[in-house]
């Protein structure tokens, strides 16, 4: 889970995920939205893929990226659980909010 949040800490990677929210895109389409070099973006793609936030599929010489929303959901639920969000503290003990 910490790798996912580390990946999300970078604004460029968050912007890439935002682009992929609406549809799958190839690397060239994503690169058009940024002023960074393709080599730099390739590094960001690698981090997102390594953490499972995106999946990639090769079509000839083109790589298509898709957002894996389930990984974001799992990370969020894990964080909420570790912080005991949704629980109310009463007399020093946590109890579920109803």
PDB file of N, CA and C in Angstrom:
ATOM      1  N   UNK A   1       0.823  -1.190   0.000  1.00  0.00           N
ATOM      2  CA  UNK A   1       0.000   0.000   0.000  1.00  0.00           C
ATOM      3  C   UNK A   1       0.870   1.258   0.000  1.00  0.00           C
ATOM      4  N   UNK A   2       1.997   1.238   0.705  1.00  0.00           N
ATOM      5  CA  UNK A   2       2.838   2.434   0.762  1.00  0.00           C
ATOM      6  C   UNK A   2       3.404   2.784  -0.611  1.00  0.00           C
ATOM      7  N   UNK A   3       3.663   1.770  -1.453  1.00  0.00           N
ATOM      8  CA  UNK A   3       4.146   2.046  -2.804  1.00  0.00           C
ATOM      9  C   UNK A   3       3.101   2.789  -3.623  1.00  0.00           C
ATOM     10  N   UNK A   4       1.844   2.450  -3.412  1.00  0.00           N
ATOM     11  CA  UNK A   4       0.757   3.132  -4.134  1.00  0.00           C
ATOM     12  C   UNK A   4       0.712   4.598  -3.731  1.00  0.00           C
ATOM     13  N   UNK A   5       0.775   4.873  -2.423  1.00  0.00           N
ATOM     14  CA  UNK A   5       0.714   6.259  -1.982  1.00  0.00           C
ATOM     15  C   UNK A   5       1.966   7.035  -2.379  1.00  0.00           C
ATOM     16  N   UNK A   6       3.099   6.368  -2.419  1.00  0.00           N
ATOM     17  CA  UNK A   6       4.320   7.019  -2.896  1.00  0.00           C
ATOM     18  C   UNK A   6       4.154   7.392  -4.365  1.00  0.00           C
ATOM     19  N   UNK A   7       3.587   6.485  -5.160  1.00  0.00           N
ATOM     20  CA  UNK A   7       3.341   6.773  -6.581  1.00  0.00           C
ATOM     21  C   UNK A   7       2.369   7.938  -6.730  1.00  0.00           C
ATOM     22  N   UNK A   8       1.360   7.981  -5.871  1.00  0.00           N
ATOM     23  CA  UNK A   8       0.349   9.043  -5.941  1.00  0.00           C
ATOM     24  C   UNK A   8       0.867  10.392  -5.447  1.00  0.00           C
ATOM     25  N   UNK A   9       2.016  10.398  -4.786  1.00  0.00           N
ATOM     26  CA  UNK A   9       2.540  11.657  -4.251  1.00  0.00           C
ATOM     27  C   UNK A   9       3.070  12.578  -5.349  1.00  0.00           C
ATOM     28  N   UNK A  10       3.299  12.033  -6.535  1.00  0.00           N
ATOM     29  CA  UNK A  10       3.836  12.839  -7.630  1.00  0.00           C
ATOM     30  C   UNK A  10       2.705  13.453  -8.449  1.00  0.00           C
ATOM     31  N   UNK A  11       2.713  14.771  -8.651  1.00  0.00           N
ATOM     32  CA  UNK A  11       1.615  15.425  -9.385  1.00  0.00           C
ATOM     33  C   UNK A  11       1.502  14.974 -10.845  1.00  0.00           C
ATOM     34  N   UNK A  12       2.622  14.658 -11.478  1.00  0.00           N
ATOM     35  CA  UNK A  12       2.550  14.187 -12.869  1.00  0.00           C
ATOM     36  C   UNK A  12       1.834  12.843 -12.938  1.00  0.00           C
ATOM     37  N   UNK A  13       2.159  11.949 -12.005  1.00  0.00           N
ATOM     38  CA  UNK A  13       1.498  10.646 -12.011  1.00  0.00           C
ATOM     39  C   UNK A  13       0.012  10.776 -11.709  1.00  0.00           C
ATOM     40  N   UNK A  14      -0.343  11.684 -10.813  1.00  0.00           N
ATOM     41  CA  UNK A  14      -1.777  11.909 -10.539  1.00  0.00           C
ATOM     42  C   UNK A  14      -2.476  12.453 -11.779  1.00  0.00           C
ATOM     43  N   UNK A  15      -1.800  13.322 -12.515  1.00  0.00           N
ATOM     44  CA  UNK A  15      -2.381  13.870 -13.749  1.00  0.00           C
ATOM     45  C   UNK A  15      -2.567  12.776 -14.800  1.00  0.00           C
ATOM     46  N   UNK A  16      -1.613  11.862 -14.892  1.00  0.00           N
ATOM     47  CA  UNK A  16      -1.747  10.738 -15.831  1.00  0.00           C
ATOM     48  C   UNK A  16      -2.962   9.896 -15.458  1.00  0.00           C
ATOM     49  N   UNK A  17      -3.112   9.602 -14.171  1.00  0.00           N
ATOM     50  CA  UNK A  17      -4.260   8.811 -13.726  1.00  0.00           C
ATOM     51  C   UNK A  17      -5.573   9.536 -14.012  1.00  0.00           C
ATOM     52  N   UNK A  18      -5.567  10.839 -13.865  1.00  0.00           N
ATOM     53  CA  UNK A  18      -6.764  11.623 -14.159  1.00  0.00           C
ATOM     54  C   UNK A  18      -7.135  11.514 -15.632  1.00  0.00           C
ATOM     55  N   UNK A  19      -6.135  11.551 -16.499  1.00  0.00           N
ATOM     56  CA  UNK A  19      -6.399  11.382 -17.933  1.00  0.00           C
ATOM     57  C   UNK A  19      -6.999  10.012 -18.229  1.00  0.00           C
ATOM     58  N   UNK A  20      -6.490   9.002 -17.540  1.00  0.00           N
ATOM     59  CA  UNK A  20      -6.937   7.631 -17.790  1.00  0.00           C
ATOM     60  C   UNK A  20      -8.281   7.315 -17.141  1.00  0.00           C
ATOM     61  N   UNK A  21      -8.773   8.220 -16.330  1.00  0.00           N
ATOM     62  CA  UNK A  21     -10.064   8.003 -15.657  1.00  0.00           C
ATOM     63  C   UNK A  21     -11.197   7.852 -16.668  1.00  0.00           C
ATOM     64  N   UNK A  22     -11.127   8.604 -17.741  1.00  0.00           N
ATOM     65  CA  UNK A  22     -12.212   8.596 -18.730  1.00  0.00           C
ATOM     66  C   UNK A  22     -12.082   7.493 -19.771  1.00  0.00           C
ATOM     67  N   UNK A  23     -10.827   7.145 -20.130  1.00  0.00           N
ATOM     68  CA  UNK A  23     -10.639   6.126 -21.163  1.00  0.00           C
ATOM     69  C   UNK A  23      -9.190   5.669 -21.191  1.00  0.00           C
ATOM     70  N   UNK A  24      -8.982   4.510 -21.790  1.00  0.00           N
ATOM     71  CA  UNK A  24      -7.624   4.021 -22.018  1.00  0.00           C
ATOM     72  C   UNK A  24      -6.969   4.913 -23.068  1.00  0.00           C
ATOM     73  N   UNK A  25      -5.670   5.107 -22.926  1.00  0.00           N
ATOM     74  CA  UNK A  25      -4.930   5.958 -23.867  1.00  0.00           C
ATOM     75  C   UNK A  25      -3.581   5.333 -24.153  1.00  0.00           C
ATOM     76  N   UNK A  26      -3.075   5.604 -25.360  1.00  0.00           N
ATOM     77  CA  UNK A  26      -1.727   5.130 -25.639  1.00  0.00           C
ATOM     78  C   UNK A  26      -0.721   6.151 -25.111  1.00  0.00           C
ATOM     79  N   UNK A  27       0.533   5.716 -25.037  1.00  0.00           N
ATOM     80  CA  UNK A  27       1.570   6.559 -24.450  1.00  0.00           C
ATOM     81  C   UNK A  27       1.710   7.898 -25.176  1.00  0.00           C
ATOM     82  N   UNK A  28       1.579   7.888 -26.489  1.00  0.00           N
ATOM     83  CA  UNK A  28       1.684   9.123 -27.260  1.00  0.00           C
ATOM     84  C   UNK A  28       0.576  10.107 -26.931  1.00  0.00           C
ATOM     85  N   UNK A  29      -0.644   9.607 -26.786  1.00  0.00           N
ATOM     86  CA  UNK A  29      -1.773  10.481 -26.426  1.00  0.00           C
ATOM     87  C   UNK A  29      -1.552  11.113 -25.061  1.00  0.00           C
ATOM     88  N   UNK A  30      -1.061  10.322 -24.139  1.00  0.00           N
ATOM     89  CA  UNK A  30      -0.800  10.847 -22.792  1.00  0.00           C
ATOM     90  C   UNK A  30       0.313  11.890 -22.859  1.00  0.00           C
ATOM     91  N   UNK A  31       1.376  11.597 -23.611  1.00  0.00           N
ATOM     92  CA  UNK A  31       2.522  12.499 -23.706  1.00  0.00           C
ATOM     93  C   UNK A  31       2.137  13.866 -24.262  1.00  0.00           C
ATOM     94  N   UNK A  32       1.126  13.907 -25.137  1.00  0.00           N
ATOM     95  CA  UNK A  32       0.686  15.181 -25.716  1.00  0.00           C
ATOM     96  C   UNK A  32       0.176  16.155 -24.657  1.00  0.00           C
ATOM     97  N   UNK A  33      -0.250  15.637 -23.519  1.00  0.00           N
ATOM     98  CA  UNK A  33      -0.797  16.490 -22.464  1.00  0.00           C
ATOM     99  C   UNK A  33       0.290  17.080 -21.557  1.00  0.00           C
ATOM    100  N   UNK A  34       1.545  16.706 -21.783  1.00  0.00           N
ATOM    101  CA  UNK A  34       2.633  17.122 -20.896  1.00  0.00           C
ATOM    102  C   UNK A  34       3.775  17.755 -21.684  1.00  0.00           C
ATOM    103  N   UNK A  35       4.515  18.632 -21.016  1.00  0.00           N
ATOM    104  CA  UNK A  35       5.687  19.250 -21.637  1.00  0.00           C
ATOM    105  C   UNK A  35       6.955  18.455 -21.326  1.00  0.00           C
ATOM    106  N   UNK A  36       6.857  17.449 -20.494  1.00  0.00           N
ATOM    107  CA  UNK A  36       8.023  16.637 -20.134  1.00  0.00           C
ATOM    108  C   UNK A  36       8.420  15.734 -21.304  1.00  0.00           C
ATOM    109  N   UNK A  37       9.662  15.289 -21.272  1.00  0.00           N
ATOM    110  CA  UNK A  37      10.141  14.404 -22.332  1.00  0.00           C
ATOM    111  C   UNK A  37       9.457  13.040 -22.230  1.00  0.00           C
ATOM    112  N   UNK A  38       9.438  12.336 -23.346  1.00  0.00           N
ATOM    113  CA  UNK A  38       8.849  10.992 -23.343  1.00  0.00           C
ATOM    114  C   UNK A  38       9.626  10.056 -22.430  1.00  0.00           C
ATOM    115  N   UNK A  39      10.929  10.260 -22.317  1.00  0.00           N
ATOM    116  CA  UNK A  39      11.737   9.426 -21.423  1.00  0.00           C
ATOM    117  C   UNK A  39      11.323   9.628 -19.966  1.00  0.00           C
ATOM    118  N   UNK A  40      11.088  10.878 -19.585  1.00  0.00           N
ATOM    119  CA  UNK A  40      10.628  11.172 -18.221  1.00  0.00           C
ATOM    120  C   UNK A  40       9.261  10.552 -17.978  1.00  0.00           C
ATOM    121  N   UNK A  41       8.360  10.708 -18.929  1.00  0.00           N
ATOM    122  CA  UNK A  41       7.023  10.131 -18.793  1.00  0.00           C
ATOM    123  C   UNK A  41       7.076   8.614 -18.743  1.00  0.00           C
ATOM    124  N   UNK A  42       7.994   8.024 -19.487  1.00  0.00           N
ATOM    125  CA  UNK A  42       8.156   6.573 -19.467  1.00  0.00           C
ATOM    126  C   UNK A  42       8.482   6.095 -18.055  1.00  0.00           C
ATOM    127  N   UNK A  43       9.289   6.854 -17.338  1.00  0.00           N
ATOM    128  CA  UNK A  43       9.599   6.533 -15.948  1.00  0.00           C
ATOM    129  C   UNK A  43       8.353   6.574 -15.076  1.00  0.00           C
ATOM    130  N   UNK A  44       7.502   7.568 -15.310  1.00  0.00           N
ATOM    131  CA  UNK A  44       6.247   7.669 -14.557  1.00  0.00           C
ATOM    132  C   UNK A  44       5.334   6.488 -14.889  1.00  0.00           C
ATOM    133  N   UNK A  45       5.258   6.134 -16.163  1.00  0.00           N
ATOM    134  CA  UNK A  45       4.443   4.979 -16.566  1.00  0.00           C
ATOM    135  C   UNK A  45       4.933   3.716 -15.865  1.00  0.00           C
ATOM    136  N   UNK A  46       6.255   3.564 -15.776  1.00  0.00           N
ATOM    137  CA  UNK A  46       6.832   2.371 -15.143  1.00  0.00           C
ATOM    138  C   UNK A  46       6.446   2.288 -13.666  1.00  0.00           C
ATOM    139  N   UNK A  47       6.481   3.418 -12.971  1.00  0.00           N
ATOM    140  CA  UNK A  47       6.099   3.439 -11.553  1.00  0.00           C
ATOM    141  C   UNK A  47       4.619   3.082 -11.407  1.00  0.00           C
ATOM    142  N   UNK A  48       3.776   3.683 -12.231  1.00  0.00           N
ATOM    143  CA  UNK A  48       2.337   3.405 -12.155  1.00  0.00           C
ATOM    144  C   UNK A  48       2.033   1.945 -12.465  1.00  0.00           C
ATOM    145  N   UNK A  49       2.752   1.373 -13.402  1.00  0.00           N
ATOM    146  CA  UNK A  49       2.547  -0.034 -13.748  1.00  0.00           C
ATOM    147  C   UNK A  49       3.060  -0.944 -12.631  1.00  0.00           C
ATOM    148  N   UNK A  50       4.216  -0.625 -12.068  1.00  0.00           N
ATOM    149  CA  UNK A  50       4.808  -1.451 -11.008  1.00  0.00           C
ATOM    150  C   UNK A  50       3.921  -1.508  -9.769  1.00  0.00           C
ATOM    151  N   UNK A  51       3.209  -0.432  -9.493  1.00  0.00           N
ATOM    152  CA  UNK A  51       2.325  -0.413  -8.325  1.00  0.00           C
ATOM    153  C   UNK A  51       0.948  -0.994  -8.629  1.00  0.00           C
ATOM    154  N   UNK A  52       0.693  -1.288  -9.899  1.00  0.00           N
ATOM    155  CA  UNK A  52      -0.603  -1.847 -10.276  1.00  0.00           C
ATOM    156  C   UNK A  52      -1.671  -0.812 -10.531  1.00  0.00           C
ATOM    157  N   UNK A  53      -1.310   0.467 -10.471  1.00  0.00           N
ATOM    158  CA  UNK A  53      -2.307   1.515 -10.689  1.00  0.00           C
ATOM    159  C   UNK A  53      -2.779   1.575 -12.143  1.00  0.00           C
ATOM    160  N   UNK A  54      -1.917   1.145 -13.046  1.00  0.00           N
ATOM    161  CA  UNK A  54      -2.315   1.057 -14.451  1.00  0.00           C
ATOM    162  C   UNK A  54      -1.913  -0.310 -14.988  1.00  0.00           C
ATOM    163  N   UNK A  55      -2.636  -0.746 -15.985  1.00  0.00           N
ATOM    164  CA  UNK A  55      -2.225  -1.933 -16.728  1.00  0.00           C
ATOM    165  C   UNK A  55      -1.874  -1.468 -18.124  1.00  0.00           C
ATOM    166  N   UNK A  56      -0.996  -2.200 -18.750  1.00  0.00           N
ATOM    167  CA  UNK A  56      -0.589  -1.804 -20.096  1.00  0.00           C
ATOM    168  C   UNK A  56      -0.724  -3.005 -21.025  1.00  0.00           C
ATOM    169  N   UNK A  57      -1.031  -2.668 -22.253  1.00  0.00           N
ATOM    170  CA  UNK A  57      -1.205  -3.692 -23.274  1.00  0.00           C
ATOM    171  C   UNK A  57      -0.503  -3.216 -24.540  1.00  0.00           C
ATOM    172  N   UNK A  58       0.315  -4.071 -25.098  1.00  0.00           N
ATOM    173  CA  UNK A  58       1.060  -3.715 -26.301  1.00  0.00           C
ATOM    174  C   UNK A  58       0.253  -4.109 -27.532  1.00  0.00           C
ATOM    175  N   UNK A  59       0.140  -3.170 -28.458  1.00  0.00           N
ATOM    176  CA  UNK A  59      -0.468  -3.399 -29.767  1.00  0.00           C
ATOM    177  C   UNK A  59       0.572  -3.001 -30.804  1.00  0.00           C
ATOM    178  N   UNK A  60       1.357  -3.975 -31.247  1.00  0.00           N
ATOM    179  CA  UNK A  60       2.452  -3.657 -32.154  1.00  0.00           C
ATOM    180  C   UNK A  60       3.484  -2.816 -31.440  1.00  0.00           C
ATOM    181  N   UNK A  61       3.740  -1.617 -31.938  1.00  0.00           N
ATOM    182  CA  UNK A  61       4.716  -0.727 -31.299  1.00  0.00           C
ATOM    183  C   UNK A  61       4.050   0.269 -30.351  1.00  0.00           C
ATOM    184  N   UNK A  62       2.741   0.158 -30.172  1.00  0.00           N
ATOM    185  CA  UNK A  62       1.985   1.080 -29.321  1.00  0.00           C
ATOM    186  C   UNK A  62       1.647   0.409 -27.995  1.00  0.00           C
ATOM    187  N   UNK A  63       1.806   1.159 -26.914  1.00  0.00           N
ATOM    188  CA  UNK A  63       1.418   0.664 -25.589  1.00  0.00           C
ATOM    189  C   UNK A  63       0.203   1.453 -25.131  1.00  0.00           C
ATOM    190  N   UNK A  64      -0.843   0.727 -24.767  1.00  0.00           N
ATOM    191  CA  UNK A  64      -2.083   1.342 -24.283  1.00  0.00           C
ATOM    192  C   UNK A  64      -2.156   1.141 -22.771  1.00  0.00           C
ATOM    193  N   UNK A  65      -2.480   2.235 -22.063  1.00  0.00           N
ATOM    194  CA  UNK A  65      -2.568   2.210 -20.603  1.00  0.00           C
ATOM    195  C   UNK A  65      -4.023   2.353 -20.169  1.00  0.00           C
ATOM    196  N   UNK A  66      -4.380   1.607 -19.107  1.00  0.00           N
ATOM    197  CA  UNK A  66      -5.721   1.668 -18.513  1.00  0.00           C
ATOM    198  C   UNK A  66      -5.586   1.839 -17.003  1.00  0.00           C
ATOM    199  N   UNK A  67      -6.437   2.642 -16.433  1.00  0.00           N
ATOM    200  CA  UNK A  67      -6.484   2.831 -14.993  1.00  0.00           C
ATOM    201  C   UNK A  67      -7.061   1.583 -14.329  1.00  0.00           C
ATOM    202  N   UNK A  68      -6.441   1.142 -13.249  1.00  0.00           N
ATOM    203  CA  UNK A  68      -6.965   0.031 -12.455  1.00  0.00           C
ATOM    204  C   UNK A  68      -7.539   0.627 -11.174  1.00  0.00           C
ATOM    205  N   UNK A  69      -8.778   1.013 -11.242  1.00  0.00           N
ATOM    206  CA  UNK A  69      -9.451   1.680 -10.133  1.00  0.00           C
ATOM    207  C   UNK A  69      -9.473   0.813  -8.884  1.00  0.00           C
ATOM    208  N   UNK A  70      -9.515  -0.496  -9.047  1.00  0.00           N
ATOM    209  CA  UNK A  70      -9.574  -1.385  -7.883  1.00  0.00           C
ATOM    210  C   UNK A  70      -8.353  -1.209  -6.979  1.00  0.00           C
ATOM    211  N   UNK A  71      -7.197  -0.911  -7.543  1.00  0.00           N
ATOM    212  CA  UNK A  71      -5.992  -0.706  -6.736  1.00  0.00           C
ATOM    213  C   UNK A  71      -6.132   0.565  -5.909  1.00  0.00           C
ATOM    214  N   UNK A  72      -6.679   1.613  -6.496  1.00  0.00           N
ATOM    215  CA  UNK A  72      -6.929   2.852  -5.746  1.00  0.00           C
ATOM    216  C   UNK A  72      -7.924   2.604  -4.617  1.00  0.00           C
ATOM    217  N   UNK A  73      -8.968   1.859  -4.918  1.00  0.00           N
ATOM    218  CA  UNK A  73      -9.977   1.555  -3.897  1.00  0.00           C
ATOM    219  C   UNK A  73      -9.374   0.766  -2.739  1.00  0.00           C
ATOM    220  N   UNK A  74      -8.556  -0.238  -3.067  1.00  0.00           N
ATOM    221  CA  UNK A  74      -7.914  -1.035  -2.021  1.00  0.00           C
ATOM    222  C   UNK A  74      -7.001  -0.177  -1.152  1.00  0.00           C
ATOM    223  N   UNK A  75      -6.238   0.715  -1.779  1.00  0.00           N
ATOM    224  CA  UNK A  75      -5.338   1.592  -1.026  1.00  0.00           C
ATOM    225  C   UNK A  75      -6.140   2.518  -0.110  1.00  0.00           C
ATOM    226  N   UNK A  76      -7.219   3.076  -0.635  1.00  0.00           N
ATOM    227  CA  UNK A  76      -8.044   3.969   0.171  1.00  0.00           C
ATOM    228  C   UNK A  76      -8.671   3.220   1.348  1.00  0.00           C
ATOM    229  N   UNK A  77      -9.203   2.040   1.100  1.00  0.00           N
ATOM    230  CA  UNK A  77      -9.806   1.254   2.174  1.00  0.00           C
ATOM    231  C   UNK A  77      -8.767   0.848   3.210  1.00  0.00           C
ATOM    232  N   UNK A  78      -7.574   0.504   2.751  1.00  0.00           N
ATOM    233  CA  UNK A  78      -6.498   0.166   3.686  1.00  0.00           C
ATOM    234  C   UNK A  78      -6.116   1.346   4.557  1.00  0.00           C
ATOM    235  N   UNK A  79      -6.032   2.522   3.953  1.00  0.00           N
ATOM    236  CA  UNK A  79      -5.716   3.728   4.721  1.00  0.00           C
ATOM    237  C   UNK A  79      -6.828   4.044   5.707  1.00  0.00           C
ATOM    238  N   UNK A  80      -8.060   3.985   5.251  1.00  0.00           N
ATOM    239  CA  UNK A  80      -9.201   4.275   6.128  1.00  0.00           C
ATOM    240  C   UNK A  80      -9.222   3.304   7.303  1.00  0.00           C
ATOM    241  N   UNK A  81      -8.920   2.056   7.038  1.00  0.00           N
ATOM    242  CA  UNK A  81      -8.904   1.049   8.098  1.00  0.00           C
ATOM    243  C   UNK A  81      -7.770   1.306   9.086  1.00  0.00           C
ATOM    244  N   UNK A  82      -6.579   1.613   8.568  1.00  0.00           N
ATOM    245  CA  UNK A  82      -5.442   1.835   9.466  1.00  0.00           C
ATOM    246  C   UNK A  82      -5.626   3.088  10.320  1.00  0.00           C
ATOM    247  N   UNK A  83      -6.341   4.060   9.795  1.00  0.00           N
ATOM    248  CA  UNK A  83      -6.630   5.279  10.564  1.00  0.00           C
ATOM    249  C   UNK A  83      -7.918   5.161  11.363  1.00  0.00           C
ATOM    250  N   UNK A  84      -8.565   4.012  11.207  1.00  0.00           N
ATOM    251  CA  UNK A  84      -9.836   3.716  11.874  1.00  0.00           C
ATOM    252  C   UNK A  84     -10.880   4.784  11.570  1.00  0.00           C
ATOM    253  N   UNK A  85     -10.900   5.211  10.295  1.00  0.00           N
ATOM    254  CA  UNK A  85     -11.926   6.158   9.857  1.00  0.00           C
ATOM    255  C   UNK A  85     -13.267   5.443   9.889  1.00  0.00           C
ATOM    256  N   UNK A  86     -14.305   6.148  10.240  1.00  0.00           N
ATOM    257  CA  UNK A  86     -15.618   5.529  10.342  1.00  0.00           C
ATOM    258  C   UNK A  86     -15.873   4.982  11.734  1.00  0.00           C
ATOM    259  N   UNK A  87     -14.915   5.178  12.643  1.00  0.00           N
ATOM    260  CA  UNK A  87     -15.103   4.764  14.027  1.00  0.00           C
ATOM    261  C   UNK A  87     -15.143   6.005  14.899  1.00  0.00           C
ATOM    262  N   UNK A  88     -15.868   5.896  15.970  1.00  0.00           N
ATOM    263  CA  UNK A  88     -16.011   6.999  16.898  1.00  0.00           C
ATOM    264  C   UNK A  88     -15.273   6.645  18.176  1.00  0.00           C
ATOM    265  N   UNK A  89     -14.535   7.588  18.741  1.00  0.00           N
ATOM    266  CA  UNK A  89     -13.840   7.325  20.001  1.00  0.00           C
ATOM    267  C   UNK A  89     -14.765   7.637  21.169  1.00  0.00           C
ATOM    268  N   UNK A  90     -14.830   6.716  22.093  1.00  0.00           N
ATOM    269  CA  UNK A  90     -15.622   6.932  23.300  1.00  0.00           C
ATOM    270  C   UNK A  90     -14.832   6.409  24.492  1.00  0.00           C
ATOM    271  N   UNK A  91     -14.473   7.282  25.394  1.00  0.00           N
ATOM    272  CA  UNK A  91     -13.756   6.911  26.600  1.00  0.00           C
ATOM    273  C   UNK A  91     -12.471   6.160  26.284  1.00  0.00           C
ATOM    274  N   UNK A  92     -11.790   6.646  25.260  1.00  0.00           N
ATOM    275  CA  UNK A  92     -10.503   6.060  24.928  1.00  0.00           C
ATOM    276  C   UNK A  92     -10.571   4.800  24.106  1.00  0.00           C
ATOM    277  N   UNK A  93     -11.766   4.306  23.818  1.00  0.00           N
ATOM    278  CA  UNK A  93     -11.905   3.105  23.008  1.00  0.00           C
ATOM    279  C   UNK A  93     -12.642   3.463  21.721  1.00  0.00           C
ATOM    280  N   UNK A  94     -12.186   2.889  20.641  1.00  0.00           N
ATOM    281  CA  UNK A  94     -12.852   3.138  19.352  1.00  0.00           C
ATOM    282  C   UNK A  94     -14.039   2.211  19.220  1.00  0.00           C
ATOM    283  N   UNK A  95     -15.091   2.732  18.662  1.00  0.00           N
ATOM    284  CA  UNK A  95     -16.256   1.901  18.369  1.00  0.00           C
ATOM    285  C   UNK A  95     -16.828   2.332  17.029  1.00  0.00           C
ATOM    286  N   UNK A  96     -17.436   1.427  16.297  1.00  0.00           N
ATOM    287  CA  UNK A  96     -17.994   1.778  14.975  1.00  0.00           C
ATOM    288  C   UNK A  96     -19.067   2.850  15.092  1.00  0.00           C
ATOM    289  N   UNK A  97     -19.089   3.741  14.112  1.00  0.00           N
ATOM    290  CA  UNK A  97     -20.136   4.764  14.028  1.00  0.00           C
ATOM    291  C   UNK A  97     -21.352   4.115  13.393  1.00  0.00           C
ATOM    292  N   UNK A  98     -22.516   4.357  13.940  1.00  0.00           N
ATOM    293  CA  UNK A  98     -23.762   3.763  13.403  1.00  0.00           C
ATOM    294  C   UNK A  98     -24.644   4.807  12.810  1.00  0.00           C
TER     295      UNK A  98
END
